[in-house]
C-alpha atoms as a PDB file:
ATOM      1  CA  MET A   1      12.545 -10.191  29.563  1.00  0.00           C
ATOM      2  CA  VAL A   2      11.132  -9.491  26.097  1.00  0.00           C
ATOM      3  CA  PRO A   3      12.363  -6.301  24.440  1.00  0.00           C
ATOM      4  CA  PRO A   4       9.622  -3.810  23.521  1.00  0.00           C
ATOM      5  CA  VAL A   5       8.348  -3.935  19.945  1.00  0.00           C
ATOM      6  CA  ARG A   6       9.220  -0.786  18.043  1.00  0.00           C
ATOM      7  CA  PRO A   7       6.446   0.595  15.860  1.00  0.00           C
ATOM      8  CA  PRO A   8       7.266   0.589  12.142  1.00  0.00           C
ATOM      9  CA  ARG A   9       8.480   3.832  10.621  1.00  0.00           C
ATOM     10  CA  VAL A  10       5.708   5.723   8.833  1.00  0.00           C
ATOM     11  CA  PRO A  11       6.516   5.791   5.088  1.00  0.00           C
ATOM     12  CA  ALA A  12       6.287   8.804   2.803  1.00  0.00           C
ATOM     13  CA  PRO A  13       2.937   9.343   1.067  1.00  0.00           C
ATOM     14  CA  GLY A  14       2.807   7.473  -2.241  1.00  0.00           C
ATOM     15  CA  THR A  15       5.146   4.688  -1.110  1.00  0.00           C
ATOM     16  CA  LEU A  16       4.051   1.345  -2.523  1.00  0.00           C
ATOM     17  CA  LEU A  17       3.315  -1.203   0.185  1.00  0.00           C
ATOM     18  CA  ALA A  18       1.985  -4.755   0.248  1.00  0.00           C
ATOM     19  CA  ASP A  19      -0.807  -5.650   2.670  1.00  0.00           C
ATOM     20  CA  THR A  20      -0.037  -9.200   3.823  1.00  0.00           C
ATOM     21  CA  SER A  21      -3.447  -9.532   5.495  1.00  0.00           C
ATOM     22  CA  ARG A  22      -5.097  -9.237   2.055  1.00  0.00           C
ATOM     23  CA  GLY A  23      -2.986 -11.570  -0.057  1.00  0.00           C
ATOM     24  CA  ASP A  24      -0.130  -9.095  -0.596  1.00  0.00           C
ATOM     25  CA  ARG A  25      -2.456  -6.502  -2.154  1.00  0.00           C
ATOM     26  CA  VAL A  26      -0.356  -3.511  -3.238  1.00  0.00           C
ATOM     27  CA  GLY A  27      -1.395   0.037  -2.461  1.00  0.00           C
ATOM     28  CA  GLU A  28      -0.004   3.550  -2.158  1.00  0.00           C
ATOM     29  CA  PHE A  29       0.460   4.789   1.382  1.00  0.00           C
ATOM     30  CA  GLN A  30      -1.961   7.677   2.017  1.00  0.00           C
ATOM     31  CA  GLY A  31      -1.509   8.427   5.696  1.00  0.00           C
ATOM     32  CA  VAL A  32      -2.219   7.394   9.252  1.00  0.00           C
ATOM     33  CA  ALA A  33      -5.771   6.995  10.559  1.00  0.00           C
ATOM     34  CA  GLY A  34      -5.575   6.321  14.283  1.00  0.00           C
ATOM     35  CA  PRO A  35      -3.786   2.992  14.778  1.00  0.00           C
ATOM     36  CA  TYR A  36      -4.162   2.096  11.075  1.00  0.00           C
ATOM     37  CA  TRP A  37      -2.398   3.007   7.856  1.00  0.00           C
ATOM     38  CA  SER A  38      -4.503   4.000   4.850  1.00  0.00           C
ATOM     39  CA  LEU A  39      -3.624   2.499   1.475  1.00  0.00           C
ATOM     40  CA  ARG A  40      -5.180   3.177  -1.930  1.00  0.00           C
ATOM     41  CA  PRO A  41      -4.951   0.939  -5.008  1.00  0.00           C
ATOM     42  CA  VAL A  42      -2.350   2.183  -7.462  1.00  0.00           C
ATOM     43  CA  GLY A  43      -4.911   2.336 -10.281  1.00  0.00           C
ATOM     44  CA  GLY A  44      -7.316   4.324  -8.127  1.00  0.00           C
ATOM     45  CA  GLY A  45     -10.239   3.150  -6.063  1.00  0.00           C
ATOM     46  CA  ARG A  46     -11.342   2.968  -2.459  1.00  0.00           C
ATOM     47  CA  GLU A  47      -8.822   3.334   0.297  1.00  0.00           C
ATOM     48  CA  TRP A  48      -8.564   0.620   2.889  1.00  0.00           C
ATOM     49  CA  GLU A  49      -7.039   0.550   6.335  1.00  0.00           C
ATOM     50  CA  VAL A  50      -4.537  -1.960   7.628  1.00  0.00           C
ATOM     51  CA  GLU A  51      -2.608  -2.490  10.832  1.00  0.00           C
ATOM     52  CA  PRO A  52       1.043  -1.494  10.260  1.00  0.00           C
ATOM     53  CA  ARG A  53       2.243  -4.953  11.379  1.00  0.00           C
ATOM     54  CA  TYR A  54       0.648  -6.448   8.234  1.00  0.00           C
ATOM     55  CA  VAL A  55       2.426  -4.086   5.837  1.00  0.00           C
ATOM     56  CA  ARG A  56       5.742  -4.562   4.087  1.00  0.00           C
ATOM     57  CA  PRO A  57       7.494  -2.710   1.275  1.00  0.00           C
ATOM     58  CA  ALA A  58       6.259  -3.873  -2.119  1.00  0.00           C
ATOM     59  CA  LEU A  59       8.734  -6.022  -4.035  1.00  0.00           C
ATOM     60  CA  ILE A  60      10.097  -4.636  -7.299  1.00  0.00           C
ATOM     61  CA  MET A  61       7.924  -7.095  -9.291  1.00  0.00           C
ATOM     62  CA  GLU A  62       4.829  -6.040  -7.311  1.00  0.00           C
ATOM     63  CA  GLN A  63       5.610  -2.372  -7.936  1.00  0.00           C
ATOM     64  CA  LEU A  64       6.041  -3.005 -11.654  1.00  0.00           C
ATOM     65  CA  ARG A  65       2.781  -4.966 -11.842  1.00  0.00           C
ATOM     66  CA  ALA A  66       0.859  -2.224 -10.017  1.00  0.00           C
ATOM     67  CA  ARG A  67       2.278   0.578 -12.154  1.00  0.00           C
ATOM     68  CA  THR A  68       1.621  -1.355 -15.366  1.00  0.00           C
ATOM     69  CA  ALA A  69      -2.014  -1.883 -14.315  1.00  0.00           C
ATOM     70  CA  ARG A  70      -2.339   1.867 -13.738  1.00  0.00           C
ATOM     71  CA  LEU A  71      -0.887   2.705 -17.154  1.00  0.00           C
ATOM     72  CA  ASN A  72      -3.157   0.163 -18.837  1.00  0.00           C
ATOM     73  CA  ALA A  73      -6.214   1.638 -17.110  1.00  0.00           C
ATOM     74  CA  ARG A  74      -5.194   5.131 -18.191  1.00  0.00           C
ATOM     75  CA  SER A  75      -4.673   3.983 -21.800  1.00  0.00           C
ATOM     76  CA  ARG A  76      -8.248   2.606 -21.792  1.00  0.00           C
ATOM     77  CA  GLY A  77      -9.480   6.058 -20.800  1.00  0.00           C
ATOM     78  CA  GLU A  78     -10.434   5.149 -17.245  1.00  0.00           C
ATOM     79  CA  VAL A  79     -10.566   8.036 -14.810  1.00  0.00           C
ATOM     80  CA  LEU A  80      -7.978   7.482 -12.091  1.00  0.00           C
END
């Protein structure tokens, strides 16, 4: 008998996650939309939805890269 699969714990808003279905694209967790989780790029932009099974916590290097991109965009005067 196969044990039931436990759904992943819903992270706090703003948590940085990597979407493995999109080449480990990093986004901030926004919330739950039906069976999907909504993520938004760290530097701003359109949200996208992903199945929770394709999401993992962002690695430290991925978090640093995403935050650096946001700071660079802000220093160029981009509206975030």
